[in-house]
Amino acid sequence: MRRKTTYSFIYTYAWLVLVAMAIFMNFAFAARVTPDKLTGTKQAKGDTTYHVTKAKGGKPSYLKNGLHLALPPLKPAVTSSAKVSVSRPDDKLLNDVQLYPNPVTDQINLKYSVSRNSNVTVKIMDVLGNDITTVFNQRVEVGDHNISYSINNKLSRGFYFVRVVAGTESVIKRISVL
């Protein structure tokens, strides 16, 4: 006859370990070492935890917060109105690149938008990827920008590529010159 196995012992043991860890963490975070306990001096008690280290000369030095971050004290029922702007890696630096008219007869108009201050380079290349000319190479501010470039007697008939580089991003547009 086969014996039935139950997992109730394992689940009970897991819960017991979880509760014991929670109690241990509670006591670990509740135990504070403050300067007044170590040196006998009177200081205001706040939300800051102190850690004692030995400095040069054998005197104890106090480090606020065990973290390398400067955290504000926690106050219940207080809402912060500080705005934090965080740049995400998926944010594009170069946006809305438009090249008109296409096909081109005498002048190329380029319109683009930059989301951060950066160096922008605009080059015209032939079909093989050789640089024909550099139209623009400057540091630009945030916002929309327009560039006009006259191609009279500078480009022969055919297909060309306009490469716009901002920071590490680039956009390539194809144009045909009549």
N, C-alpha and C. Protein backbone atom coordinates (compact mmCIF):
# COMPACT_ATOMS: atom_id res chain seq x y z
N MET A 1 0.82 -1.15 0.00
CA MET A 1 0.00 0.00 0.00
C MET A 1 0.89 1.25 0.00
N ARG A 2 0.52 2.17 -0.82
CA ARG A 2 1.30 3.36 -0.98
C ARG A 2 0.94 4.40 0.06
N ARG A 3 1.93 5.13 0.51
CA ARG A 3 1.74 6.12 1.54
C ARG A 3 1.48 7.49 0.90
N LYS A 4 0.48 8.20 1.39
CA LYS A 4 0.17 9.53 0.87
C LYS A 4 1.10 10.55 1.50
N THR A 5 1.64 11.39 0.65
CA THR A 5 2.51 12.45 1.16
C THR A 5 1.74 13.75 1.17
N THR A 6 1.89 14.48 2.21
CA THR A 6 1.25 15.80 2.28
C THR A 6 2.33 16.85 2.40
N TYR A 7 2.03 17.97 1.87
CA TYR A 7 2.98 19.06 1.89
C TYR A 7 2.67 20.07 3.00
N SER A 8 1.76 19.74 3.87
CA SER A 8 1.38 20.69 4.91
C SER A 8 2.56 20.99 5.84
N PHE A 9 3.42 20.00 6.09
CA PHE A 9 4.58 20.22 6.94
C PHE A 9 5.53 21.22 6.27
N ILE A 10 5.73 21.09 4.96
CA ILE A 10 6.64 21.98 4.24
C ILE A 10 6.08 23.40 4.24
N TYR A 11 4.77 23.55 3.98
CA TYR A 11 4.16 24.87 3.98
C TYR A 11 4.23 25.51 5.37
N THR A 12 3.98 24.73 6.42
CA THR A 12 4.05 25.24 7.78
C THR A 12 5.48 25.69 8.09
N TYR A 13 6.44 24.88 7.71
CA TYR A 13 7.84 25.22 7.94
C TYR A 13 8.23 26.50 7.19
N ALA A 14 7.77 26.65 5.94
CA ALA A 14 8.08 27.84 5.15
C ALA A 14 7.48 29.08 5.80
N TRP A 15 6.24 29.00 6.27
CA TRP A 15 5.62 30.13 6.94
C TRP A 15 6.35 30.48 8.23
N LEU A 16 6.79 29.46 8.94
CA LEU A 16 7.51 29.69 10.18
C LEU A 16 8.83 30.42 9.91
N VAL A 17 9.54 30.01 8.87
CA VAL A 17 10.79 30.66 8.50
C VAL A 17 10.53 32.11 8.07
N LEU A 18 9.46 32.34 7.32
CA LEU A 18 9.11 33.68 6.86
C LEU A 18 8.79 34.61 8.04
N VAL A 19 8.04 34.13 9.00
CA VAL A 19 7.70 34.94 10.16
C VAL A 19 8.95 35.22 10.99
N ALA A 20 9.82 34.22 11.15
CA ALA A 20 11.06 34.42 11.91
C ALA A 20 11.95 35.45 11.23
N MET A 21 12.03 35.43 9.90
CA MET A 21 12.83 36.41 9.18
C MET A 21 12.26 37.82 9.35
N ALA A 22 10.94 37.94 9.33
CA ALA A 22 10.30 39.25 9.50
C ALA A 22 10.59 39.82 10.88
N ILE A 23 10.51 38.95 11.92
CA ILE A 23 10.80 39.41 13.28
C ILE A 23 12.26 39.82 13.40
N PHE A 24 13.16 39.04 12.82
CA PHE A 24 14.58 39.37 12.87
C PHE A 24 14.86 40.70 12.18
N MET A 25 14.26 40.93 10.99
CA MET A 25 14.47 42.18 10.27
C MET A 25 13.92 43.36 11.07
N ASN A 26 12.79 43.16 11.73
CA ASN A 26 12.20 44.22 12.53
C ASN A 26 13.15 44.63 13.66
N PHE A 27 13.72 43.66 14.36
CA PHE A 27 14.67 43.98 15.43
C PHE A 27 15.96 44.57 14.88
N ALA A 28 16.40 44.11 13.72
CA ALA A 28 17.64 44.62 13.14
C ALA A 28 17.51 46.09 12.76
N PHE A 29 16.36 46.48 12.18
CA PHE A 29 16.17 47.86 11.79
C PHE A 29 15.77 48.75 12.97
N ALA A 30 15.17 48.17 14.00
CA ALA A 30 14.75 48.96 15.15
C ALA A 30 15.93 49.33 16.04
N ALA A 31 16.98 48.52 16.07
CA ALA A 31 18.14 48.79 16.91
C ALA A 31 18.93 49.93 16.30
N ARG A 32 19.03 51.03 17.04
CA ARG A 32 19.74 52.20 16.54
C ARG A 32 20.96 52.45 17.40
N VAL A 33 22.01 52.88 16.75
CA VAL A 33 23.20 53.32 17.47
C VAL A 33 23.29 54.81 17.25
N THR A 34 23.02 55.60 18.27
CA THR A 34 23.04 57.05 18.13
C THR A 34 24.22 57.60 18.92
N PRO A 35 24.70 58.78 18.57
CA PRO A 35 25.85 59.35 19.26
C PRO A 35 25.62 59.54 20.76
N ASP A 36 24.37 59.84 21.16
CA ASP A 36 24.14 60.06 22.58
C ASP A 36 24.30 58.78 23.40
N LYS A 37 24.03 57.62 22.80
CA LYS A 37 24.22 56.35 23.50
C LYS A 37 25.70 56.01 23.61
N LEU A 38 26.48 56.40 22.61
CA LEU A 38 27.90 56.05 22.61
C LEU A 38 28.74 57.01 23.44
N THR A 39 28.45 58.31 23.32
CA THR A 39 29.32 59.30 23.97
C THR A 39 28.69 59.94 25.18
N GLY A 40 27.40 59.75 25.37
CA GLY A 40 26.73 60.34 26.51
C GLY A 40 26.30 61.77 26.29
N THR A 41 26.49 62.30 25.07
CA THR A 41 26.08 63.67 24.79
C THR A 41 24.60 63.69 24.45
N LYS A 42 23.95 64.82 24.70
CA LYS A 42 22.52 64.93 24.40
C LYS A 42 22.36 65.51 23.00
N GLN A 43 21.61 64.79 22.19
CA GLN A 43 21.32 65.26 20.84
C GLN A 43 19.86 64.99 20.54
N ALA A 44 19.32 65.74 19.60
CA ALA A 44 17.92 65.55 19.23
C ALA A 44 17.78 64.22 18.50
N LYS A 45 16.73 63.51 18.83
CA LYS A 45 16.50 62.21 18.21
C LYS A 45 15.62 62.42 16.99
N GLY A 46 16.01 61.88 15.88
CA GLY A 46 15.25 62.02 14.64
C GLY A 46 15.10 60.68 13.96
N ASP A 47 14.86 60.73 12.65
CA ASP A 47 14.68 59.52 11.88
C ASP A 47 15.99 59.00 11.31
N THR A 48 17.11 59.52 11.73
CA THR A 48 18.39 59.18 11.13
C THR A 48 19.07 58.06 11.89
N THR A 49 19.60 57.09 11.17
CA THR A 49 20.35 55.99 11.78
C THR A 49 21.82 56.31 11.67
N TYR A 50 22.59 56.05 12.72
CA TYR A 50 24.02 56.32 12.72
C TYR A 50 24.79 55.02 12.76
N HIS A 51 25.88 54.94 12.06
CA HIS A 51 26.78 53.81 12.10
C HIS A 51 28.14 54.31 12.55
N VAL A 52 28.78 53.58 13.43
CA VAL A 52 30.04 54.03 13.99
C VAL A 52 31.18 53.36 13.25
N THR A 53 32.15 54.16 12.81
CA THR A 53 33.36 53.63 12.18
C THR A 53 34.56 54.25 12.86
N LYS A 54 35.69 53.61 12.75
CA LYS A 54 36.92 54.14 13.33
C LYS A 54 37.60 55.04 12.31
N ALA A 55 37.80 56.28 12.67
CA ALA A 55 38.49 57.22 11.79
C ALA A 55 39.97 57.21 12.15
N LYS A 56 40.74 58.02 11.44
CA LYS A 56 42.17 58.12 11.72
C LYS A 56 42.35 58.73 13.11
N GLY A 57 43.26 58.21 13.87
CA GLY A 57 43.49 58.70 15.22
C GLY A 57 42.71 57.91 16.26
N GLY A 58 41.92 56.90 15.84
CA GLY A 58 41.21 56.05 16.77
C GLY A 58 39.91 56.62 17.31
N LYS A 59 39.51 57.83 16.88
CA LYS A 59 38.26 58.40 17.35
C LYS A 59 37.10 57.88 16.51
N PRO A 60 35.95 57.64 17.11
CA PRO A 60 34.81 57.17 16.31
C PRO A 60 34.24 58.30 15.46
N SER A 61 33.85 57.96 14.26
CA SER A 61 33.17 58.94 13.41
C SER A 61 31.80 58.38 13.11
N TYR A 62 30.85 59.25 12.92
CA TYR A 62 29.47 58.83 12.73
C TYR A 62 29.07 59.06 11.29
N LEU A 63 28.50 58.05 10.66
CA LEU A 63 28.01 58.15 9.30
C LEU A 63 26.50 58.11 9.36
N LYS A 64 25.86 59.12 8.82
CA LYS A 64 24.40 59.10 8.75
C LYS A 64 23.98 58.12 7.67
N ASN A 65 22.93 57.39 7.93
CA ASN A 65 22.35 56.41 7.00
C ASN A 65 23.40 55.43 6.50
N GLY A 66 23.10 54.18 6.54
CA GLY A 66 24.01 53.17 6.05
C GLY A 66 24.08 53.15 4.54
N LEU A 67 23.14 53.83 3.88
CA LEU A 67 23.12 53.87 2.42
C LEU A 67 24.02 54.98 1.92
N HIS A 68 24.38 54.91 0.65
CA HIS A 68 25.16 55.97 0.04
C HIS A 68 24.26 57.04 -0.54
N LEU A 69 23.00 57.02 -0.17
CA LEU A 69 22.04 57.98 -0.67
C LEU A 69 21.66 58.94 0.43
N ALA A 70 21.35 60.15 0.08
CA ALA A 70 20.85 61.10 1.06
C ALA A 70 19.33 61.06 1.00
N LEU A 71 18.72 60.45 1.99
CA LEU A 71 17.28 60.29 2.01
C LEU A 71 16.66 61.31 2.97
N PRO A 72 15.56 61.93 2.58
CA PRO A 72 14.91 62.87 3.49
C PRO A 72 14.20 62.10 4.60
N PRO A 73 13.98 62.72 5.76
CA PRO A 73 13.27 62.04 6.82
C PRO A 73 11.82 61.79 6.41
N LEU A 74 11.27 60.68 6.85
CA LEU A 74 9.91 60.31 6.50
C LEU A 74 8.94 60.97 7.47
N LYS A 75 7.94 61.62 6.93
CA LYS A 75 6.90 62.24 7.73
C LYS A 75 5.57 61.70 7.24
N PRO A 76 4.76 61.16 8.13
CA PRO A 76 3.48 60.61 7.68
C PRO A 76 2.54 61.69 7.19
N ALA A 77 1.74 61.35 6.19
CA ALA A 77 0.69 62.20 5.63
C ALA A 77 1.22 63.50 5.03
N VAL A 78 2.45 63.51 4.54
CA VAL A 78 3.01 64.68 3.87
C VAL A 78 3.31 64.29 2.43
N THR A 79 2.82 65.06 1.51
CA THR A 79 3.02 64.78 0.10
C THR A 79 4.03 65.76 -0.47
N SER A 80 4.97 65.26 -1.25
CA SER A 80 5.98 66.12 -1.84
C SER A 80 5.48 66.67 -3.16
N SER A 81 5.80 67.93 -3.44
CA SER A 81 5.41 68.54 -4.70
C SER A 81 6.61 68.71 -5.63
N ALA A 82 7.74 68.09 -5.29
CA ALA A 82 8.94 68.22 -6.12
C ALA A 82 8.77 67.42 -7.40
N LYS A 83 9.12 68.03 -8.53
CA LYS A 83 9.03 67.35 -9.82
C LYS A 83 10.39 66.79 -10.17
N VAL A 84 10.41 65.52 -10.55
CA VAL A 84 11.65 64.86 -10.90
C VAL A 84 11.59 64.51 -12.38
N SER A 85 12.60 64.92 -13.11
CA SER A 85 12.68 64.60 -14.53
C SER A 85 13.76 63.55 -14.72
N VAL A 86 13.35 62.38 -15.17
CA VAL A 86 14.28 61.29 -15.37
C VAL A 86 14.33 60.96 -16.85
N SER A 87 15.51 60.94 -17.38
CA SER A 87 15.69 60.60 -18.79
C SER A 87 15.76 59.09 -18.94
N ARG A 88 14.87 58.55 -19.73
CA ARG A 88 14.86 57.11 -19.96
C ARG A 88 15.72 56.79 -21.17
N PRO A 89 16.33 55.60 -21.17
CA PRO A 89 17.19 55.24 -22.31
C PRO A 89 16.43 55.13 -23.62
N ASP A 90 15.10 54.88 -23.57
CA ASP A 90 14.36 54.72 -24.81
C ASP A 90 13.88 56.05 -25.39
N ASP A 91 14.15 57.19 -24.69
CA ASP A 91 13.81 58.50 -25.23
C ASP A 91 14.70 58.80 -26.42
N LYS A 92 14.09 59.28 -27.51
CA LYS A 92 14.86 59.60 -28.70
C LYS A 92 15.37 61.03 -28.62
N LEU A 93 16.58 61.21 -29.08
CA LEU A 93 17.20 62.54 -29.11
C LEU A 93 16.79 63.30 -30.37
N LEU A 94 16.71 62.61 -31.48
CA LEU A 94 16.41 63.21 -32.79
C LEU A 94 15.02 62.77 -33.23
N ASN A 95 14.11 63.74 -33.44
CA ASN A 95 12.72 63.43 -33.78
C ASN A 95 12.27 64.22 -35.00
N ASP A 96 11.22 63.73 -35.65
CA ASP A 96 10.51 64.43 -36.73
C ASP A 96 11.43 64.99 -37.80
N VAL A 97 12.27 64.14 -38.37
CA VAL A 97 13.18 64.58 -39.44
C VAL A 97 12.39 64.58 -40.75
N GLN A 98 12.27 65.77 -41.36
CA GLN A 98 11.55 65.92 -42.63
C GLN A 98 12.46 66.59 -43.64
N LEU A 99 12.47 66.06 -44.86
CA LEU A 99 13.29 66.59 -45.94
C LEU A 99 12.36 66.88 -47.11
N TYR A 100 12.31 68.13 -47.57
CA TYR A 100 11.41 68.49 -48.65
C TYR A 100 12.04 69.59 -49.47
N PRO A 101 11.69 69.84 -50.68
CA PRO A 101 10.86 68.99 -51.54
C PRO A 101 11.66 67.81 -52.06
N ASN A 102 11.01 66.79 -52.43
CA ASN A 102 11.67 65.63 -53.01
C ASN A 102 10.84 65.17 -54.19
N PRO A 103 11.30 65.25 -55.41
CA PRO A 103 12.64 65.52 -55.92
C PRO A 103 13.02 67.00 -55.80
N VAL A 104 14.34 67.23 -55.70
CA VAL A 104 14.90 68.56 -55.47
C VAL A 104 15.36 69.15 -56.79
N THR A 105 15.12 70.45 -56.96
CA THR A 105 15.63 71.13 -58.16
C THR A 105 16.68 72.18 -57.81
N ASP A 106 16.44 72.98 -56.75
CA ASP A 106 17.40 74.03 -56.45
C ASP A 106 17.72 74.18 -54.96
N GLN A 107 16.83 73.82 -54.06
CA GLN A 107 17.07 74.02 -52.64
C GLN A 107 16.47 72.87 -51.82
N ILE A 108 17.25 72.40 -50.81
CA ILE A 108 16.80 71.36 -49.88
C ILE A 108 16.40 72.04 -48.59
N ASN A 109 15.24 71.68 -48.06
CA ASN A 109 14.79 72.17 -46.76
C ASN A 109 14.73 70.98 -45.80
N LEU A 110 15.37 71.14 -44.65
CA LEU A 110 15.43 70.08 -43.65
C LEU A 110 14.83 70.61 -42.35
N LYS A 111 13.92 69.85 -41.80
CA LYS A 111 13.28 70.22 -40.53
C LYS A 111 13.46 69.05 -39.57
N TYR A 112 13.90 69.34 -38.33
CA TYR A 112 14.09 68.29 -37.34
C TYR A 112 13.88 68.87 -35.94
N SER A 113 13.73 67.98 -34.98
CA SER A 113 13.52 68.37 -33.59
C SER A 113 14.51 67.62 -32.71
N VAL A 114 15.09 68.32 -31.72
CA VAL A 114 16.06 67.73 -30.81
C VAL A 114 15.51 67.82 -29.39
N SER A 115 15.55 66.72 -28.63
CA SER A 115 14.98 66.72 -27.28
C SER A 115 15.98 67.12 -26.19
N ARG A 116 17.28 67.14 -26.50
CA ARG A 116 18.31 67.58 -25.56
C ARG A 116 19.37 68.37 -26.33
N ASN A 117 20.11 69.22 -25.64
CA ASN A 117 21.22 69.94 -26.28
C ASN A 117 22.23 68.93 -26.79
N SER A 118 22.62 69.05 -28.04
CA SER A 118 23.59 68.11 -28.61
C SER A 118 24.23 68.69 -29.85
N ASN A 119 25.27 68.02 -30.32
CA ASN A 119 25.94 68.41 -31.55
C ASN A 119 25.22 67.74 -32.72
N VAL A 120 24.84 68.53 -33.73
CA VAL A 120 24.11 68.01 -34.89
C VAL A 120 24.96 68.20 -36.13
N THR A 121 25.06 67.13 -36.91
CA THR A 121 25.80 67.16 -38.17
C THR A 121 24.87 66.70 -39.29
N VAL A 122 24.83 67.47 -40.39
CA VAL A 122 24.04 67.11 -41.56
C VAL A 122 25.00 66.99 -42.73
N LYS A 123 25.03 65.81 -43.34
CA LYS A 123 25.92 65.56 -44.49
C LYS A 123 25.13 65.02 -45.66
N ILE A 124 25.62 65.34 -46.87
CA ILE A 124 25.06 64.77 -48.09
C ILE A 124 26.04 63.73 -48.60
N MET A 125 25.53 62.53 -48.89
CA MET A 125 26.37 61.41 -49.36
C MET A 125 25.84 60.91 -50.69
N ASP A 126 26.74 60.34 -51.49
CA ASP A 126 26.30 59.73 -52.73
C ASP A 126 25.80 58.31 -52.46
N VAL A 127 25.42 57.62 -53.51
CA VAL A 127 24.84 56.27 -53.38
C VAL A 127 25.84 55.28 -52.79
N LEU A 128 27.13 55.48 -52.99
CA LEU A 128 28.15 54.57 -52.46
C LEU A 128 28.51 54.87 -51.01
N GLY A 129 27.98 55.96 -50.45
CA GLY A 129 28.26 56.31 -49.06
C GLY A 129 29.40 57.29 -48.88
N ASN A 130 29.93 57.81 -49.98
CA ASN A 130 31.00 58.81 -49.90
C ASN A 130 30.41 60.17 -49.53
N ASP A 131 31.11 60.89 -48.63
CA ASP A 131 30.64 62.22 -48.23
C ASP A 131 30.86 63.20 -49.38
N ILE A 132 29.78 63.88 -49.78
CA ILE A 132 29.88 64.90 -50.83
C ILE A 132 30.15 66.25 -50.17
N THR A 133 29.34 66.61 -49.18
CA THR A 133 29.51 67.89 -48.49
C THR A 133 28.88 67.82 -47.09
N THR A 134 29.40 68.67 -46.20
CA THR A 134 28.81 68.81 -44.87
C THR A 134 27.99 70.09 -44.88
N VAL A 135 26.70 69.94 -44.72
CA VAL A 135 25.78 71.08 -44.79
C VAL A 135 25.77 71.85 -43.47
N PHE A 136 25.81 71.13 -42.34
CA PHE A 136 25.65 71.76 -41.04
C PHE A 136 26.41 70.94 -40.00
N ASN A 137 27.14 71.63 -39.09
CA ASN A 137 27.84 70.94 -38.01
C ASN A 137 27.99 71.91 -36.85
N GLN A 138 27.01 71.90 -35.93
CA GLN A 138 27.02 72.81 -34.79
C GLN A 138 26.30 72.19 -33.61
N ARG A 139 26.53 72.78 -32.45
CA ARG A 139 25.78 72.40 -31.25
C ARG A 139 24.48 73.18 -31.24
N VAL A 140 23.37 72.49 -31.03
CA VAL A 140 22.06 73.13 -31.08
C VAL A 140 21.34 72.96 -29.74
N GLU A 141 20.41 73.86 -29.49
CA GLU A 141 19.59 73.84 -28.28
C GLU A 141 18.37 72.95 -28.50
N VAL A 142 17.63 72.71 -27.44
CA VAL A 142 16.42 71.89 -27.49
C VAL A 142 15.37 72.60 -28.32
N GLY A 143 14.63 71.84 -29.16
CA GLY A 143 13.53 72.41 -29.92
C GLY A 143 13.58 72.05 -31.39
N ASP A 144 12.74 72.75 -32.18
CA ASP A 144 12.64 72.53 -33.62
C ASP A 144 13.65 73.40 -34.35
N HIS A 145 14.21 72.85 -35.44
CA HIS A 145 15.21 73.58 -36.21
C HIS A 145 14.95 73.37 -37.70
N ASN A 146 15.29 74.38 -38.49
CA ASN A 146 15.15 74.33 -39.95
C ASN A 146 16.48 74.68 -40.59
N ILE A 147 16.81 73.96 -41.66
CA ILE A 147 18.03 74.23 -42.43
C ILE A 147 17.64 74.27 -43.90
N SER A 148 18.12 75.29 -44.61
CA SER A 148 17.94 75.38 -46.07
C SER A 148 19.31 75.35 -46.71
N TYR A 149 19.43 74.57 -47.79
CA TYR A 149 20.73 74.43 -48.47
C TYR A 149 20.49 74.50 -49.97
N SER A 150 21.17 75.43 -50.62
CA SER A 150 21.04 75.60 -52.07
C SER A 150 21.98 74.62 -52.77
N ILE A 151 21.46 73.86 -53.73
CA ILE A 151 22.28 72.86 -54.42
C ILE A 151 22.63 73.27 -55.85
N ASN A 152 22.42 74.54 -56.22
CA ASN A 152 22.73 74.99 -57.57
C ASN A 152 24.19 74.74 -57.90
N ASN A 153 24.47 74.00 -58.96
CA ASN A 153 25.80 73.67 -59.47
C ASN A 153 26.67 72.94 -58.45
N LYS A 154 26.10 72.36 -57.40
CA LYS A 154 26.88 71.61 -56.41
C LYS A 154 26.65 70.11 -56.52
N LEU A 155 25.45 69.73 -56.93
CA LEU A 155 25.13 68.31 -57.08
C LEU A 155 24.62 68.06 -58.49
N SER A 156 25.11 67.00 -59.10
CA SER A 156 24.61 66.63 -60.43
C SER A 156 23.34 65.81 -60.26
N ARG A 157 22.68 65.51 -61.38
CA ARG A 157 21.44 64.73 -61.33
C ARG A 157 21.72 63.34 -60.78
N GLY A 158 20.77 62.84 -59.99
CA GLY A 158 20.91 61.49 -59.46
C GLY A 158 20.33 61.38 -58.06
N PHE A 159 20.65 60.23 -57.42
CA PHE A 159 20.15 59.97 -56.07
C PHE A 159 21.25 60.24 -55.04
N TYR A 160 20.84 60.82 -53.93
CA TYR A 160 21.76 61.13 -52.83
C TYR A 160 21.08 60.79 -51.50
N PHE A 161 21.89 60.74 -50.46
CA PHE A 161 21.38 60.51 -49.12
C PHE A 161 21.77 61.68 -48.23
N VAL A 162 20.83 62.11 -47.39
CA VAL A 162 21.10 63.15 -46.40
C VAL A 162 21.12 62.46 -45.04
N ARG A 163 22.25 62.58 -44.38
CA ARG A 163 22.42 61.93 -43.07
C ARG A 163 22.44 63.00 -41.98
N VAL A 164 21.52 62.87 -41.02
CA VAL A 164 21.41 63.80 -39.89
C VAL A 164 21.84 63.02 -38.66
N VAL A 165 22.91 63.50 -37.98
CA VAL A 165 23.44 62.84 -36.79
C VAL A 165 23.32 63.80 -35.61
N ALA A 166 22.68 63.31 -34.53
CA ALA A 166 22.57 64.07 -33.29
C ALA A 166 23.01 63.15 -32.16
N GLY A 167 24.13 63.49 -31.54
CA GLY A 167 24.67 62.62 -30.48
C GLY A 167 25.09 61.29 -31.07
N THR A 168 24.46 60.22 -30.62
CA THR A 168 24.76 58.88 -31.14
C THR A 168 23.67 58.38 -32.08
N GLU A 169 22.65 59.18 -32.31
CA GLU A 169 21.55 58.78 -33.19
C GLU A 169 21.73 59.38 -34.57
N SER A 170 21.29 58.64 -35.58
CA SER A 170 21.35 59.17 -36.94
C SER A 170 20.11 58.76 -37.71
N VAL A 171 19.73 59.64 -38.65
CA VAL A 171 18.60 59.39 -39.54
C VAL A 171 19.10 59.67 -40.95
N ILE A 172 18.79 58.75 -41.87
CA ILE A 172 19.22 58.90 -43.26
C ILE A 172 17.97 58.99 -44.14
N LYS A 173 17.93 60.02 -44.99
CA LYS A 173 16.81 60.23 -45.93
C LYS A 173 17.38 60.23 -47.34
N ARG A 174 16.60 59.67 -48.27
CA ARG A 174 17.01 59.61 -49.67
C ARG A 174 16.37 60.74 -50.43
N ILE A 175 17.16 61.41 -51.28
CA ILE A 175 16.63 62.46 -52.14
C ILE A 175 17.04 62.20 -53.57
N SER A 176 16.28 62.74 -54.50
CA SER A 176 16.65 62.67 -55.92
C SER A 176 16.77 64.10 -56.42
N VAL A 177 17.86 64.34 -57.14
CA VAL A 177 18.16 65.69 -57.67
C VAL A 177 17.84 65.66 -59.16
N LEU A 178 17.03 66.64 -59.61
CA LEU A 178 16.68 66.73 -61.02
C LEU A 178 17.52 67.77 -61.73
